[in-house]
């Protein structure tokens, strides 16, 4: 058995999902999530994230900007 005690989380599943989605919308890839003993979470981003090829139709339809980043809906 583990010697540590269980502590109450200081964040919600929804806040974790929002953080991951925000990073993905900014063009980053979340590689891992760390949960420090003091609470909360830390998103670890993938190094050298490749920029996806920009689709000119997505830009024309207002789905992404000219750099391929998603536009707010």
C-alpha atoms as a PDB file:
ATOM      1  CA  UNK A   1       0.000   0.000   0.000  1.00  0.00           C
ATOM      2  CA  UNK A   2       1.137   3.540  -0.537  1.00  0.00           C
ATOM      3  CA  UNK A   3       2.099   5.635   2.462  1.00  0.00           C
ATOM      4  CA  UNK A   4       0.642   8.900   1.132  1.00  0.00           C
ATOM      5  CA  UNK A   5      -2.779  10.180   1.981  1.00  0.00           C
ATOM      6  CA  UNK A   6      -5.299  11.206  -0.599  1.00  0.00           C
ATOM      7  CA  UNK A   7      -5.949  14.930  -0.884  1.00  0.00           C
ATOM      8  CA  UNK A   8      -8.842  16.789  -2.429  1.00  0.00           C
ATOM      9  CA  UNK A   9      -8.146  18.180  -5.895  1.00  0.00           C
ATOM     10  CA  UNK A  10      -7.840  21.938  -6.267  1.00  0.00           C
ATOM     11  CA  UNK A  11      -9.134  21.992  -9.842  1.00  0.00           C
ATOM     12  CA  UNK A  12     -11.990  20.486 -11.804  1.00  0.00           C
ATOM     13  CA  UNK A  13     -11.979  18.147 -14.764  1.00  0.00           C
ATOM     14  CA  UNK A  14     -13.541  21.005 -16.751  1.00  0.00           C
ATOM     15  CA  UNK A  15     -10.660  23.383 -15.915  1.00  0.00           C
ATOM     16  CA  UNK A  16      -8.127  20.780 -17.040  1.00  0.00           C
ATOM     17  CA  UNK A  17     -10.029  20.296 -20.311  1.00  0.00           C
ATOM     18  CA  UNK A  18     -10.213  24.085 -20.811  1.00  0.00           C
ATOM     19  CA  UNK A  19      -6.464  24.386 -20.295  1.00  0.00           C
ATOM     20  CA  UNK A  20      -5.700  21.637 -22.807  1.00  0.00           C
ATOM     21  CA  UNK A  21      -8.129  23.069 -25.376  1.00  0.00           C
ATOM     22  CA  UNK A  22      -6.644  26.559 -24.959  1.00  0.00           C
ATOM     23  CA  UNK A  23      -3.150  25.222 -25.653  1.00  0.00           C
ATOM     24  CA  UNK A  24      -4.357  23.286 -28.694  1.00  0.00           C
ATOM     25  CA  UNK A  25      -6.191  26.354 -30.039  1.00  0.00           C
ATOM     26  CA  UNK A  26      -2.963  28.318 -29.631  1.00  0.00           C
ATOM     27  CA  UNK A  27      -1.247  25.757 -31.865  1.00  0.00           C
ATOM     28  CA  UNK A  28       0.580  23.780 -29.163  1.00  0.00           C
ATOM     29  CA  UNK A  29       0.471  20.057 -28.434  1.00  0.00           C
ATOM     30  CA  UNK A  30       0.084  18.970 -24.818  1.00  0.00           C
ATOM     31  CA  UNK A  31       2.579  16.169 -24.224  1.00  0.00           C
ATOM     32  CA  UNK A  32       1.813  15.450 -20.554  1.00  0.00           C
ATOM     33  CA  UNK A  33       0.113  16.771 -17.440  1.00  0.00           C
ATOM     34  CA  UNK A  34       1.844  16.975 -14.047  1.00  0.00           C
ATOM     35  CA  UNK A  35      -0.028  17.138 -10.758  1.00  0.00           C
ATOM     36  CA  UNK A  36       2.209  18.788  -8.130  1.00  0.00           C
ATOM     37  CA  UNK A  37       1.730  17.844  -4.456  1.00  0.00           C
ATOM     38  CA  UNK A  38       0.502  21.347  -3.618  1.00  0.00           C
ATOM     39  CA  UNK A  39      -2.450  20.995  -5.977  1.00  0.00           C
ATOM     40  CA  UNK A  40      -3.354  22.232  -9.414  1.00  0.00           C
ATOM     41  CA  UNK A  41      -1.835  20.972 -12.638  1.00  0.00           C
ATOM     42  CA  UNK A  42       0.976  21.822 -15.044  1.00  0.00           C
ATOM     43  CA  UNK A  43       0.626  21.271 -18.788  1.00  0.00           C
ATOM     44  CA  UNK A  44       3.814  20.028 -20.435  1.00  0.00           C
ATOM     45  CA  UNK A  45       3.989  21.015 -24.091  1.00  0.00           C
ATOM     46  CA  UNK A  46       5.634  18.958 -26.816  1.00  0.00           C
ATOM     47  CA  UNK A  47       8.970  20.404 -27.940  1.00  0.00           C
ATOM     48  CA  UNK A  48       9.294  21.525 -31.524  1.00  0.00           C
ATOM     49  CA  UNK A  49       5.618  21.283 -32.369  1.00  0.00           C
ATOM     50  CA  UNK A  50       5.355  21.175 -36.133  1.00  0.00           C
ATOM     51  CA  UNK A  51       3.045  23.746 -37.655  1.00  0.00           C
ATOM     52  CA  UNK A  52       0.310  22.068 -39.662  1.00  0.00           C
ATOM     53  CA  UNK A  53       0.001  22.985 -43.331  1.00  0.00           C
ATOM     54  CA  UNK A  54      -2.417  25.887 -43.781  1.00  0.00           C
ATOM     55  CA  UNK A  55      -5.547  24.929 -45.703  1.00  0.00           C
ATOM     56  CA  UNK A  56      -6.553  27.865 -47.900  1.00  0.00           C
ATOM     57  CA  UNK A  57     -10.222  26.835 -47.729  1.00  0.00           C
ATOM     58  CA  UNK A  58     -10.186  26.960 -43.922  1.00  0.00           C
ATOM     59  CA  UNK A  59      -8.802  30.507 -44.154  1.00  0.00           C
ATOM     60  CA  UNK A  60     -11.371  31.528 -46.787  1.00  0.00           C
ATOM     61  CA  UNK A  61     -14.250  30.104 -44.735  1.00  0.00           C
ATOM     62  CA  UNK A  62     -13.025  31.809 -41.545  1.00  0.00           C
ATOM     63  CA  UNK A  63     -12.185  28.565 -39.737  1.00  0.00           C
ATOM     64  CA  UNK A  64      -8.481  29.387 -39.291  1.00  0.00           C
ATOM     65  CA  UNK A  65      -6.262  32.426 -39.724  1.00  0.00           C
ATOM     66  CA  UNK A  66      -3.446  32.653 -42.283  1.00  0.00           C
ATOM     67  CA  UNK A  67      -1.073  30.835 -39.881  1.00  0.00           C
ATOM     68  CA  UNK A  68      -3.491  27.897 -39.465  1.00  0.00           C
ATOM     69  CA  UNK A  69      -4.619  28.838 -35.946  1.00  0.00           C
ATOM     70  CA  UNK A  70      -8.323  28.234 -35.192  1.00  0.00           C
ATOM     71  CA  UNK A  71     -10.461  31.367 -35.079  1.00  0.00           C
ATOM     72  CA  UNK A  72     -12.909  31.920 -32.215  1.00  0.00           C
ATOM     73  CA  UNK A  73     -16.446  30.898 -33.021  1.00  0.00           C
END
